[in-house]
Amino acid sequence: MFNPDVRLETRDHPFRHFRGAGLLSARSLADLAATAPDPGLFQLIDTSTATGHVRRRYRSYVLPVSDNKTGFTLDLDVLAPPWRELVTDLLSEELADWLRRETGVDTAGLHRTCQIFRYGDGDFEDLSTGKLYKRLHMSLHLNENWPSDGGGEIELWSGPDQSAGPAEVLSPAGGTALLYSASPTSWHRTVPVGEGRGLVQQMITLSYFG
């Protein structure tokens, strides 16, 4: 399902990152949309109203798929065949080879997690650099159709000062991905999803730590 023939675009502004489009076909996106995982499988992660010091404020729903450090692997029978195929592709050696070729990051032997995310009304991730021990992160958008005014964009920032606005805004179009290695300059955030419209943004992530 995942197209490993795609070549990533490398950008160095406002920090080094990689972008890809066409990683999933229109047919694959339609199949994923028609067979989305049961919302009841997801758990809420929410620091948006926490008091005191919080490293990052966010709200979304997550379904852990795999963690090679703890040995956790989701029973893929709870996912429909298109989702099982996508997860299998993302956890394959072929995908690891593609990441190494396109980003220059060798993920062999690193702690790897794979998670499926749902963002609904007002769900968001606030501005941060990400975890600085994250060697590589990939966010792959899965929505078949996403309205231009639906929110959910990924913004890239030059720093924590928000007065100048974002340096780049990336649409959450289906089949597109953002990849980056966390650093003190990798400031980014996810814009809140539009409220009151029943929109649900879906994304799958791979993170490598080391």
N, C-alpha and C. Protein backbone atom coordinates (compact mmCIF):
# COMPACT_ATOMS: atom_id res chain seq x y z
N MET A 1 0.82 -1.21 0.00
CA MET A 1 0.00 0.00 0.00
C MET A 1 0.86 1.27 0.00
N PHE A 2 1.86 1.32 0.87
CA PHE A 2 2.77 2.47 0.94
C PHE A 2 3.68 2.45 -0.28
N ASN A 3 3.85 3.60 -0.93
CA ASN A 3 4.64 3.68 -2.15
C ASN A 3 6.09 4.07 -1.84
N PRO A 4 7.02 3.11 -1.82
CA PRO A 4 8.41 3.41 -1.48
C PRO A 4 9.20 4.02 -2.63
N ASP A 5 8.55 4.22 -3.76
CA ASP A 5 9.24 4.86 -4.90
C ASP A 5 9.21 6.38 -4.82
N VAL A 6 8.43 6.92 -3.87
CA VAL A 6 8.35 8.37 -3.72
C VAL A 6 9.68 8.91 -3.22
N ARG A 7 10.14 9.98 -3.82
CA ARG A 7 11.33 10.69 -3.35
C ARG A 7 10.89 11.88 -2.51
N LEU A 8 11.51 12.02 -1.37
CA LEU A 8 11.15 13.11 -0.47
C LEU A 8 11.80 14.42 -0.89
N GLU A 9 11.13 15.51 -0.60
CA GLU A 9 11.67 16.84 -0.79
C GLU A 9 12.34 17.27 0.51
N THR A 10 13.58 17.73 0.43
CA THR A 10 14.32 18.18 1.61
C THR A 10 14.23 19.70 1.72
N ARG A 11 13.86 20.17 2.90
CA ARG A 11 13.80 21.61 3.15
C ARG A 11 14.67 21.95 4.37
N ASP A 12 15.29 23.12 4.36
CA ASP A 12 16.12 23.55 5.48
C ASP A 12 15.55 24.77 6.19
N HIS A 13 14.33 25.17 5.83
CA HIS A 13 13.69 26.33 6.46
C HIS A 13 12.32 25.91 7.00
N PRO A 14 11.99 26.28 8.24
CA PRO A 14 12.81 26.96 9.23
C PRO A 14 13.74 26.04 9.98
N PHE A 15 13.61 24.73 9.75
CA PHE A 15 14.56 23.74 10.25
C PHE A 15 14.56 22.60 9.24
N ARG A 16 15.56 21.75 9.29
CA ARG A 16 15.67 20.68 8.31
C ARG A 16 14.53 19.68 8.49
N HIS A 17 13.81 19.44 7.39
CA HIS A 17 12.72 18.47 7.42
C HIS A 17 12.52 17.93 6.01
N PHE A 18 11.68 16.93 5.91
CA PHE A 18 11.42 16.25 4.65
C PHE A 18 9.92 16.16 4.43
N ARG A 19 9.51 16.29 3.16
CA ARG A 19 8.10 16.21 2.81
C ARG A 19 7.90 15.21 1.68
N GLY A 20 6.80 14.50 1.76
CA GLY A 20 6.47 13.56 0.70
C GLY A 20 5.00 13.65 0.36
N ALA A 21 4.67 13.43 -0.90
CA ALA A 21 3.28 13.39 -1.36
C ALA A 21 3.10 12.17 -2.24
N GLY A 22 1.86 11.69 -2.34
CA GLY A 22 1.60 10.51 -3.17
C GLY A 22 2.08 9.22 -2.54
N LEU A 23 2.25 9.21 -1.20
CA LEU A 23 2.72 8.00 -0.52
C LEU A 23 1.65 6.93 -0.45
N LEU A 24 0.39 7.33 -0.61
CA LEU A 24 -0.74 6.41 -0.68
C LEU A 24 -1.59 6.79 -1.88
N SER A 25 -2.12 5.82 -2.58
CA SER A 25 -2.95 6.09 -3.74
C SER A 25 -4.34 6.56 -3.30
N ALA A 26 -5.08 7.16 -4.24
CA ALA A 26 -6.46 7.58 -3.96
C ALA A 26 -7.31 6.39 -3.55
N ARG A 27 -7.09 5.24 -4.18
CA ARG A 27 -7.85 4.03 -3.84
C ARG A 27 -7.53 3.58 -2.42
N SER A 28 -6.28 3.63 -2.04
CA SER A 28 -5.89 3.23 -0.68
C SER A 28 -6.51 4.17 0.35
N LEU A 29 -6.49 5.48 0.07
CA LEU A 29 -7.09 6.43 1.00
C LEU A 29 -8.59 6.18 1.14
N ALA A 30 -9.26 5.86 0.03
CA ALA A 30 -10.69 5.57 0.09
C ALA A 30 -10.95 4.32 0.92
N ASP A 31 -10.13 3.30 0.73
CA ASP A 31 -10.30 2.06 1.50
C ASP A 31 -10.07 2.29 2.99
N LEU A 32 -9.07 3.10 3.32
CA LEU A 32 -8.80 3.41 4.72
C LEU A 32 -9.95 4.21 5.33
N ALA A 33 -10.49 5.15 4.58
CA ALA A 33 -11.60 5.95 5.07
C ALA A 33 -12.84 5.11 5.33
N ALA A 34 -13.07 4.13 4.47
CA ALA A 34 -14.27 3.30 4.57
C ALA A 34 -14.17 2.27 5.69
N THR A 35 -12.98 2.04 6.21
CA THR A 35 -12.78 0.97 7.19
C THR A 35 -12.04 1.49 8.43
N ALA A 36 -12.27 2.75 8.78
CA ALA A 36 -11.54 3.36 9.89
C ALA A 36 -11.71 2.55 11.18
N PRO A 37 -10.66 2.51 12.01
CA PRO A 37 -10.76 1.76 13.27
C PRO A 37 -11.89 2.29 14.16
N ASP A 38 -12.45 1.40 14.95
CA ASP A 38 -13.51 1.76 15.88
C ASP A 38 -13.00 2.85 16.84
N PRO A 39 -13.72 3.98 16.94
CA PRO A 39 -13.27 5.04 17.86
C PRO A 39 -13.07 4.56 19.29
N GLY A 40 -13.80 3.50 19.67
CA GLY A 40 -13.68 2.98 21.03
C GLY A 40 -12.32 2.36 21.32
N LEU A 41 -11.53 2.10 20.27
CA LEU A 41 -10.19 1.54 20.48
C LEU A 41 -9.18 2.59 20.92
N PHE A 42 -9.52 3.86 20.74
CA PHE A 42 -8.58 4.94 20.99
C PHE A 42 -8.68 5.43 22.43
N GLN A 43 -7.57 5.92 22.94
CA GLN A 43 -7.56 6.52 24.27
C GLN A 43 -7.25 8.01 24.16
N LEU A 44 -7.93 8.80 24.97
CA LEU A 44 -7.71 10.24 24.97
C LEU A 44 -6.40 10.57 25.65
N ILE A 45 -5.62 11.44 25.01
CA ILE A 45 -4.45 12.02 25.66
C ILE A 45 -4.67 13.53 25.69
N ASP A 46 -4.66 14.10 26.88
CA ASP A 46 -5.10 15.49 27.02
C ASP A 46 -4.34 16.19 28.14
N THR A 47 -3.50 17.14 27.77
CA THR A 47 -2.83 17.98 28.75
C THR A 47 -3.31 19.43 28.60
N SER A 48 -4.38 19.63 27.86
CA SER A 48 -4.80 20.98 27.50
C SER A 48 -5.27 21.79 28.70
N THR A 49 -5.78 21.13 29.72
CA THR A 49 -6.29 21.85 30.89
C THR A 49 -5.47 21.56 32.14
N ALA A 50 -4.31 20.93 31.97
CA ALA A 50 -3.47 20.61 33.13
C ALA A 50 -2.95 21.88 33.79
N THR A 51 -2.81 21.84 35.10
CA THR A 51 -2.26 22.98 35.83
C THR A 51 -0.78 22.75 36.08
N GLY A 52 -0.05 23.83 36.36
CA GLY A 52 1.37 23.71 36.61
C GLY A 52 2.15 23.58 35.31
N HIS A 53 3.41 23.18 35.44
CA HIS A 53 4.28 23.08 34.27
C HIS A 53 3.92 21.86 33.44
N VAL A 54 3.69 22.08 32.15
CA VAL A 54 3.42 21.00 31.20
C VAL A 54 4.35 21.21 30.01
N ARG A 55 5.08 20.16 29.62
CA ARG A 55 6.05 20.32 28.53
C ARG A 55 5.36 20.72 27.24
N ARG A 56 4.19 20.14 26.99
CA ARG A 56 3.46 20.47 25.77
C ARG A 56 1.97 20.28 26.01
N ARG A 57 1.18 21.24 25.54
CA ARG A 57 -0.26 21.11 25.68
C ARG A 57 -0.85 20.57 24.36
N TYR A 58 -1.70 19.55 24.49
CA TYR A 58 -2.28 18.92 23.32
C TYR A 58 -3.52 18.14 23.72
N ARG A 59 -4.32 17.79 22.73
CA ARG A 59 -5.47 16.92 22.94
C ARG A 59 -5.70 16.14 21.67
N SER A 60 -5.72 14.83 21.78
CA SER A 60 -6.00 13.96 20.64
C SER A 60 -6.34 12.58 21.17
N TYR A 61 -6.61 11.67 20.24
CA TYR A 61 -6.92 10.29 20.60
C TYR A 61 -5.91 9.39 19.91
N VAL A 62 -5.38 8.41 20.65
CA VAL A 62 -4.30 7.60 20.13
C VAL A 62 -4.62 6.12 20.27
N LEU A 63 -4.19 5.36 19.26
CA LEU A 63 -4.26 3.90 19.29
C LEU A 63 -2.85 3.38 19.10
N PRO A 64 -2.18 2.95 20.18
CA PRO A 64 -0.83 2.40 20.03
C PRO A 64 -0.86 1.12 19.18
N VAL A 65 0.10 1.00 18.28
CA VAL A 65 0.16 -0.14 17.37
C VAL A 65 1.35 -1.03 17.69
N SER A 66 2.50 -0.42 17.91
CA SER A 66 3.71 -1.21 18.13
C SER A 66 4.73 -0.42 18.92
N ASP A 67 5.44 -1.09 19.81
CA ASP A 67 6.55 -0.51 20.56
C ASP A 67 7.59 -1.61 20.73
N ASN A 68 8.70 -1.51 19.98
CA ASN A 68 9.67 -2.61 20.01
C ASN A 68 10.53 -2.62 21.27
N LYS A 69 10.42 -1.57 22.09
CA LYS A 69 11.15 -1.55 23.36
C LYS A 69 10.41 -2.32 24.44
N THR A 70 9.11 -2.10 24.52
CA THR A 70 8.30 -2.80 25.52
C THR A 70 7.82 -4.15 25.03
N GLY A 71 7.90 -4.37 23.72
CA GLY A 71 7.41 -5.62 23.14
C GLY A 71 5.93 -5.59 22.82
N PHE A 72 5.29 -4.43 23.00
CA PHE A 72 3.86 -4.34 22.71
C PHE A 72 3.59 -4.37 21.21
N THR A 73 2.62 -5.16 20.81
CA THR A 73 2.12 -5.16 19.44
C THR A 73 0.60 -5.31 19.48
N LEU A 74 -0.09 -4.40 18.84
CA LEU A 74 -1.54 -4.48 18.78
C LEU A 74 -1.97 -5.74 18.04
N ASP A 75 -3.03 -6.37 18.53
CA ASP A 75 -3.65 -7.47 17.79
C ASP A 75 -4.27 -6.89 16.52
N LEU A 76 -3.62 -7.11 15.40
CA LEU A 76 -4.06 -6.46 14.16
C LEU A 76 -5.41 -6.96 13.67
N ASP A 77 -5.93 -8.02 14.29
CA ASP A 77 -7.26 -8.50 13.91
C ASP A 77 -8.34 -7.48 14.25
N VAL A 78 -8.03 -6.51 15.13
CA VAL A 78 -9.03 -5.48 15.45
C VAL A 78 -9.09 -4.42 14.35
N LEU A 79 -8.15 -4.47 13.40
CA LEU A 79 -8.13 -3.53 12.29
C LEU A 79 -8.64 -4.20 11.02
N ALA A 80 -9.28 -3.42 10.17
CA ALA A 80 -9.73 -3.92 8.87
C ALA A 80 -8.53 -4.19 7.98
N PRO A 81 -8.69 -5.05 6.95
CA PRO A 81 -7.56 -5.41 6.08
C PRO A 81 -6.74 -4.24 5.53
N PRO A 82 -7.37 -3.12 5.06
CA PRO A 82 -6.52 -2.03 4.55
C PRO A 82 -5.59 -1.46 5.62
N TRP A 83 -6.06 -1.37 6.85
CA TRP A 83 -5.24 -0.85 7.93
C TRP A 83 -4.15 -1.84 8.32
N ARG A 84 -4.48 -3.13 8.30
CA ARG A 84 -3.45 -4.13 8.58
C ARG A 84 -2.35 -4.07 7.53
N GLU A 85 -2.75 -3.88 6.28
CA GLU A 85 -1.76 -3.79 5.21
C GLU A 85 -0.86 -2.58 5.39
N LEU A 86 -1.46 -1.44 5.76
CA LEU A 86 -0.67 -0.23 5.95
C LEU A 86 0.32 -0.40 7.10
N VAL A 87 -0.15 -0.92 8.22
CA VAL A 87 0.74 -1.13 9.37
C VAL A 87 1.87 -2.09 9.01
N THR A 88 1.55 -3.16 8.32
CA THR A 88 2.58 -4.13 7.92
C THR A 88 3.63 -3.47 7.04
N ASP A 89 3.19 -2.62 6.12
CA ASP A 89 4.13 -1.90 5.25
C ASP A 89 5.05 -0.99 6.07
N LEU A 90 4.47 -0.26 7.01
CA LEU A 90 5.24 0.72 7.77
C LEU A 90 6.25 0.06 8.71
N LEU A 91 5.98 -1.14 9.14
CA LEU A 91 6.89 -1.83 10.05
C LEU A 91 7.87 -2.75 9.32
N SER A 92 7.88 -2.67 8.00
CA SER A 92 8.70 -3.58 7.20
C SER A 92 10.13 -3.09 7.05
N GLU A 93 11.02 -3.99 6.67
CA GLU A 93 12.40 -3.63 6.37
C GLU A 93 12.47 -2.75 5.13
N GLU A 94 11.57 -2.94 4.21
CA GLU A 94 11.55 -2.10 3.01
C GLU A 94 11.33 -0.64 3.39
N LEU A 95 10.43 -0.40 4.35
CA LEU A 95 10.19 0.97 4.78
C LEU A 95 11.42 1.53 5.49
N ALA A 96 12.08 0.71 6.31
CA ALA A 96 13.30 1.17 6.99
C ALA A 96 14.38 1.53 5.98
N ASP A 97 14.48 0.75 4.92
CA ASP A 97 15.46 1.06 3.86
C ASP A 97 15.10 2.38 3.18
N TRP A 98 13.82 2.60 2.95
CA TRP A 98 13.36 3.84 2.32
C TRP A 98 13.69 5.05 3.19
N LEU A 99 13.45 4.93 4.50
CA LEU A 99 13.77 6.02 5.42
C LEU A 99 15.26 6.35 5.39
N ARG A 100 16.08 5.33 5.40
CA ARG A 100 17.53 5.55 5.39
C ARG A 100 17.97 6.23 4.09
N ARG A 101 17.39 5.80 2.98
CA ARG A 101 17.75 6.37 1.68
C ARG A 101 17.31 7.81 1.57
N GLU A 102 16.11 8.11 2.04
CA GLU A 102 15.53 9.43 1.82
C GLU A 102 15.94 10.47 2.86
N THR A 103 16.23 10.04 4.09
CA THR A 103 16.54 10.99 5.15
C THR A 103 17.98 10.92 5.62
N GLY A 104 18.67 9.82 5.32
CA GLY A 104 20.03 9.65 5.80
C GLY A 104 20.10 9.15 7.23
N VAL A 105 18.95 8.87 7.85
CA VAL A 105 18.92 8.39 9.23
C VAL A 105 18.80 6.87 9.22
N ASP A 106 19.76 6.20 9.84
CA ASP A 106 19.72 4.75 9.96
C ASP A 106 18.94 4.40 11.22
N THR A 107 17.77 3.81 11.04
CA THR A 107 16.90 3.52 12.18
C THR A 107 17.13 2.13 12.77
N ALA A 108 18.09 1.38 12.22
CA ALA A 108 18.34 0.02 12.70
C ALA A 108 18.70 0.03 14.18
N GLY A 109 18.03 -0.81 14.95
CA GLY A 109 18.32 -0.94 16.36
C GLY A 109 17.75 0.13 17.26
N LEU A 110 17.06 1.12 16.69
CA LEU A 110 16.49 2.20 17.50
C LEU A 110 15.14 1.79 18.11
N HIS A 111 14.81 2.43 19.21
CA HIS A 111 13.49 2.27 19.81
C HIS A 111 12.45 2.87 18.86
N ARG A 112 11.49 2.06 18.43
CA ARG A 112 10.50 2.48 17.44
C ARG A 112 9.10 2.33 18.00
N THR A 113 8.30 3.36 17.79
CA THR A 113 6.88 3.28 18.12
C THR A 113 6.06 3.59 16.88
N CYS A 114 4.89 2.98 16.79
CA CYS A 114 3.93 3.25 15.72
C CYS A 114 2.57 3.47 16.38
N GLN A 115 1.91 4.58 16.01
CA GLN A 115 0.63 4.92 16.62
C GLN A 115 -0.31 5.51 15.57
N ILE A 116 -1.61 5.24 15.75
CA ILE A 116 -2.65 5.84 14.93
C ILE A 116 -3.31 6.93 15.76
N PHE A 117 -3.51 8.10 15.16
CA PHE A 117 -4.10 9.24 15.86
C PHE A 117 -5.42 9.65 15.20
N ARG A 118 -6.33 10.12 16.04
CA ARG A 118 -7.57 10.76 15.61
C ARG A 118 -7.63 12.15 16.23
N TYR A 119 -7.93 13.14 15.41
CA TYR A 119 -8.14 14.51 15.89
C TYR A 119 -9.55 14.92 15.51
N GLY A 120 -10.36 15.25 16.52
CA GLY A 120 -11.73 15.70 16.27
C GLY A 120 -11.90 17.16 16.63
N ASP A 121 -13.10 17.55 17.03
CA ASP A 121 -13.44 18.95 17.31
C ASP A 121 -12.41 19.62 18.22
N GLY A 122 -11.69 20.59 17.71
CA GLY A 122 -10.79 21.39 18.52
C GLY A 122 -9.53 20.69 18.97
N ASP A 123 -9.32 19.44 18.59
CA ASP A 123 -8.10 18.74 19.01
C ASP A 123 -6.89 19.38 18.35
N PHE A 124 -5.75 19.37 19.04
CA PHE A 124 -4.61 20.15 18.60
C PHE A 124 -3.33 19.64 19.27
N GLU A 125 -2.20 20.16 18.83
CA GLU A 125 -0.92 20.03 19.53
C GLU A 125 -0.27 21.40 19.54
N ASP A 126 0.11 21.87 20.72
CA ASP A 126 0.67 23.19 20.85
C ASP A 126 2.14 23.21 20.40
N LEU A 127 2.69 24.41 20.34
CA LEU A 127 4.03 24.62 19.82
C LEU A 127 5.09 24.00 20.72
N SER A 128 5.99 23.22 20.12
CA SER A 128 7.12 22.66 20.84
C SER A 128 8.14 22.17 19.82
N THR A 129 9.29 21.75 20.31
CA THR A 129 10.32 21.19 19.43
C THR A 129 10.14 19.69 19.25
N GLY A 130 9.28 19.07 20.05
CA GLY A 130 9.23 17.62 20.10
C GLY A 130 10.28 17.11 21.07
N LYS A 131 10.24 15.83 21.36
CA LYS A 131 11.21 15.23 22.28
C LYS A 131 12.59 15.21 21.63
N LEU A 132 13.56 15.82 22.29
CA LEU A 132 14.86 16.05 21.65
C LEU A 132 15.67 14.78 21.45
N TYR A 133 15.27 13.66 22.08
CA TYR A 133 15.96 12.40 21.84
C TYR A 133 15.28 11.60 20.72
N LYS A 134 14.36 12.23 20.01
CA LYS A 134 13.69 11.58 18.88
C LYS A 134 14.58 11.72 17.65
N ARG A 135 15.11 10.61 17.18
CA ARG A 135 16.05 10.64 16.05
C ARG A 135 15.34 10.90 14.72
N LEU A 136 14.11 10.37 14.60
CA LEU A 136 13.34 10.58 13.36
C LEU A 136 11.88 10.38 13.67
N HIS A 137 11.06 11.24 13.08
CA HIS A 137 9.61 11.13 13.25
C HIS A 137 8.95 11.29 11.89
N MET A 138 7.96 10.46 11.62
CA MET A 138 7.17 10.58 10.40
C MET A 138 5.69 10.62 10.76
N SER A 139 4.99 11.64 10.25
CA SER A 139 3.54 11.74 10.37
C SER A 139 2.95 11.58 8.97
N LEU A 140 2.11 10.56 8.78
CA LEU A 140 1.51 10.28 7.48
C LEU A 140 0.01 10.52 7.58
N HIS A 141 -0.49 11.48 6.79
CA HIS A 141 -1.91 11.84 6.82
C HIS A 141 -2.74 10.86 6.00
N LEU A 142 -3.93 10.53 6.53
CA LEU A 142 -4.71 9.43 5.95
C LEU A 142 -6.10 9.83 5.48
N ASN A 143 -6.47 11.11 5.57
CA ASN A 143 -7.81 11.50 5.17
C ASN A 143 -7.97 11.49 3.66
N GLU A 144 -9.04 10.88 3.19
CA GLU A 144 -9.30 10.83 1.75
C GLU A 144 -9.56 12.23 1.21
N ASN A 145 -10.39 12.98 1.89
CA ASN A 145 -10.69 14.37 1.50
C ASN A 145 -10.66 15.20 2.77
N TRP A 146 -9.99 16.33 2.71
CA TRP A 146 -9.94 17.22 3.88
C TRP A 146 -10.22 18.63 3.41
N PRO A 147 -11.24 19.30 3.99
CA PRO A 147 -11.59 20.65 3.54
C PRO A 147 -10.47 21.64 3.83
N SER A 148 -10.31 22.60 2.95
CA SER A 148 -9.23 23.58 3.10
C SER A 148 -9.40 24.44 4.35
N ASP A 149 -10.65 24.52 4.86
CA ASP A 149 -10.90 25.32 6.06
C ASP A 149 -11.16 24.43 7.28
N GLY A 150 -10.67 23.19 7.21
CA GLY A 150 -10.95 22.25 8.29
C GLY A 150 -9.97 22.29 9.45
N GLY A 151 -8.92 23.12 9.34
CA GLY A 151 -7.91 23.13 10.39
C GLY A 151 -7.01 21.90 10.28
N GLY A 152 -6.28 21.61 11.34
CA GLY A 152 -5.43 20.43 11.37
C GLY A 152 -4.11 20.57 10.64
N GLU A 153 -3.80 21.78 10.13
CA GLU A 153 -2.53 21.96 9.43
C GLU A 153 -1.36 21.81 10.42
N ILE A 154 -0.21 21.41 9.88
CA ILE A 154 1.02 21.41 10.67
C ILE A 154 1.77 22.70 10.34
N GLU A 155 2.08 23.45 11.37
CA GLU A 155 2.83 24.69 11.20
C GLU A 155 4.27 24.49 11.66
N LEU A 156 5.19 25.02 10.88
CA LEU A 156 6.60 25.01 11.23
C LEU A 156 7.00 26.43 11.62
N TRP A 157 7.68 26.56 12.74
CA TRP A 157 8.01 27.88 13.30
C TRP A 157 9.51 28.06 13.40
N SER A 158 9.93 29.32 13.37
CA SER A 158 11.35 29.64 13.50
C SER A 158 11.81 29.63 14.95
N GLY A 159 10.89 29.63 15.90
CA GLY A 159 11.23 29.63 17.31
C GLY A 159 9.99 29.73 18.16
N PRO A 160 10.14 29.86 19.47
CA PRO A 160 8.98 29.89 20.37
C PRO A 160 8.21 31.20 20.34
N ASP A 161 8.80 32.26 19.78
CA ASP A 161 8.11 33.55 19.68
C ASP A 161 7.06 33.47 18.57
N GLN A 162 5.79 33.58 18.95
CA GLN A 162 4.71 33.40 17.98
C GLN A 162 4.22 34.71 17.36
N SER A 163 4.91 35.81 17.66
CA SER A 163 4.44 37.10 17.18
C SER A 163 4.54 37.25 15.66
N ALA A 164 5.49 36.57 15.04
CA ALA A 164 5.70 36.71 13.60
C ALA A 164 4.88 35.71 12.78
N GLY A 165 4.24 34.75 13.45
CA GLY A 165 3.48 33.74 12.72
C GLY A 165 4.37 32.61 12.25
N PRO A 166 3.77 31.54 11.71
CA PRO A 166 4.54 30.38 11.27
C PRO A 166 5.35 30.68 10.02
N ALA A 167 6.49 29.98 9.90
CA ALA A 167 7.33 30.12 8.72
C ALA A 167 6.79 29.28 7.56
N GLU A 168 6.17 28.15 7.86
CA GLU A 168 5.60 27.26 6.84
C GLU A 168 4.31 26.67 7.39
N VAL A 169 3.33 26.44 6.52
CA VAL A 169 2.08 25.78 6.89
C VAL A 169 1.87 24.62 5.93
N LEU A 170 1.74 23.41 6.48
CA LEU A 170 1.61 22.21 5.65
C LEU A 170 0.19 21.67 5.74
N SER A 171 -0.44 21.48 4.61
CA SER A 171 -1.78 20.94 4.56
C SER A 171 -1.78 19.46 4.98
N PRO A 172 -2.83 19.02 5.70
CA PRO A 172 -2.92 17.61 6.08
C PRO A 172 -3.57 16.76 4.99
N ALA A 173 -3.19 16.98 3.76
CA ALA A 173 -3.78 16.24 2.64
C ALA A 173 -3.43 14.76 2.75
N GLY A 174 -4.37 13.89 2.42
CA GLY A 174 -4.14 12.46 2.49
C GLY A 174 -2.98 12.01 1.61
N GLY A 175 -2.17 11.11 2.15
CA GLY A 175 -1.04 10.58 1.40
C GLY A 175 0.20 11.43 1.49
N THR A 176 0.15 12.53 2.28
CA THR A 176 1.33 13.36 2.47
C THR A 176 1.96 13.06 3.82
N ALA A 177 3.25 13.34 3.94
CA ALA A 177 3.96 13.06 5.18
C ALA A 177 4.96 14.16 5.47
N LEU A 178 5.20 14.38 6.77
CA LEU A 178 6.26 15.24 7.27
C LEU A 178 7.21 14.37 8.06
N LEU A 179 8.51 14.52 7.80
CA LEU A 179 9.53 13.79 8.54
C LEU A 179 10.57 14.77 9.04
N TYR A 180 11.05 14.58 10.27
CA TYR A 180 12.07 15.45 10.80
C TYR A 180 12.79 14.75 11.95
N SER A 181 14.00 15.20 12.23
CA SER A 181 14.75 14.79 13.41
C SER A 181 14.63 15.93 14.41
N ALA A 182 14.21 15.62 15.62
CA ALA A 182 14.01 16.66 16.62
C ALA A 182 15.33 17.33 16.98
N SER A 183 15.26 18.64 17.21
CA SER A 183 16.44 19.42 17.58
C SER A 183 15.95 20.65 18.32
N PRO A 184 16.84 21.45 18.90
CA PRO A 184 16.39 22.68 19.57
C PRO A 184 15.72 23.67 18.64
N THR A 185 15.78 23.45 17.33
CA THR A 185 15.15 24.39 16.38
C THR A 185 13.90 23.82 15.71
N SER A 186 13.51 22.60 16.03
CA SER A 186 12.39 21.96 15.31
C SER A 186 11.03 22.34 15.89
N TRP A 187 10.74 23.63 15.93
CA TRP A 187 9.48 24.12 16.49
C TRP A 187 8.32 23.86 15.52
N HIS A 188 7.26 23.26 16.02
CA HIS A 188 6.11 22.94 15.18
C HIS A 188 4.87 22.79 16.05
N ARG A 189 3.73 22.87 15.42
CA ARG A 189 2.47 22.64 16.13
C ARG A 189 1.41 22.18 15.15
N THR A 190 0.33 21.61 15.68
CA THR A 190 -0.82 21.19 14.87
C THR A 190 -2.00 22.09 15.19
N VAL A 191 -2.53 22.76 14.18
CA VAL A 191 -3.65 23.69 14.34
C VAL A 191 -4.90 22.92 14.78
N PRO A 192 -5.72 23.50 15.67
CA PRO A 192 -6.95 22.81 16.08
C PRO A 192 -7.84 22.46 14.88
N VAL A 193 -8.42 21.29 14.95
CA VAL A 193 -9.41 20.87 13.95
C VAL A 193 -10.68 21.69 14.14
N GLY A 194 -11.29 22.10 13.03
CA GLY A 194 -12.51 22.90 13.10
C GLY A 194 -13.60 22.21 13.91
N GLU A 195 -14.30 23.00 14.71
CA GLU A 195 -15.30 22.44 15.62
C GLU A 195 -16.70 22.50 15.02
N GLY A 196 -17.55 21.59 15.48
CA GLY A 196 -18.96 21.60 15.13
C GLY A 196 -19.29 21.08 13.74
N ARG A 197 -18.33 20.43 13.08
CA ARG A 197 -18.58 19.97 11.71
C ARG A 197 -18.43 18.45 11.57
N GLY A 198 -18.15 17.79 12.65
CA GLY A 198 -18.00 16.35 12.61
C GLY A 198 -16.75 15.87 11.90
N LEU A 199 -15.76 16.74 11.77
CA LEU A 199 -14.52 16.38 11.09
C LEU A 199 -13.65 15.49 11.98
N VAL A 200 -13.04 14.49 11.39
CA VAL A 200 -12.09 13.64 12.10
C VAL A 200 -10.86 13.47 11.22
N GLN A 201 -9.76 13.97 11.71
CA GLN A 201 -8.50 13.83 10.98
C GLN A 201 -7.78 12.58 11.48
N GLN A 202 -7.29 11.76 10.54
CA GLN A 202 -6.60 10.53 10.90
C GLN A 202 -5.16 10.58 10.39
N MET A 203 -4.26 10.04 11.22
CA MET A 203 -2.85 10.08 10.91
C MET A 203 -2.18 8.86 11.57
N ILE A 204 -1.15 8.36 10.94
CA ILE A 204 -0.35 7.31 11.55
C ILE A 204 1.08 7.81 11.63
N THR A 205 1.75 7.50 12.74
CA THR A 205 3.09 8.01 12.98
C THR A 205 4.07 6.88 13.24
N LEU A 206 5.30 7.14 12.84
CA LEU A 206 6.45 6.32 13.23
C LEU A 206 7.43 7.23 13.94
N SER A 207 7.92 6.82 15.11
CA SER A 207 8.91 7.60 15.84
C SER A 207 10.06 6.68 16.22
N TYR A 208 11.26 7.20 16.05
CA TYR A 208 12.47 6.45 16.41
C TYR A 208 13.27 7.26 17.42
N PHE A 209 13.66 6.61 18.51
CA PHE A 209 14.35 7.29 19.60
C PHE A 209 15.72 6.68 19.81
N GLY A 210 16.68 7.55 20.15
CA GLY A 210 18.00 7.01 20.40
C GLY A 210 18.95 8.08 20.89
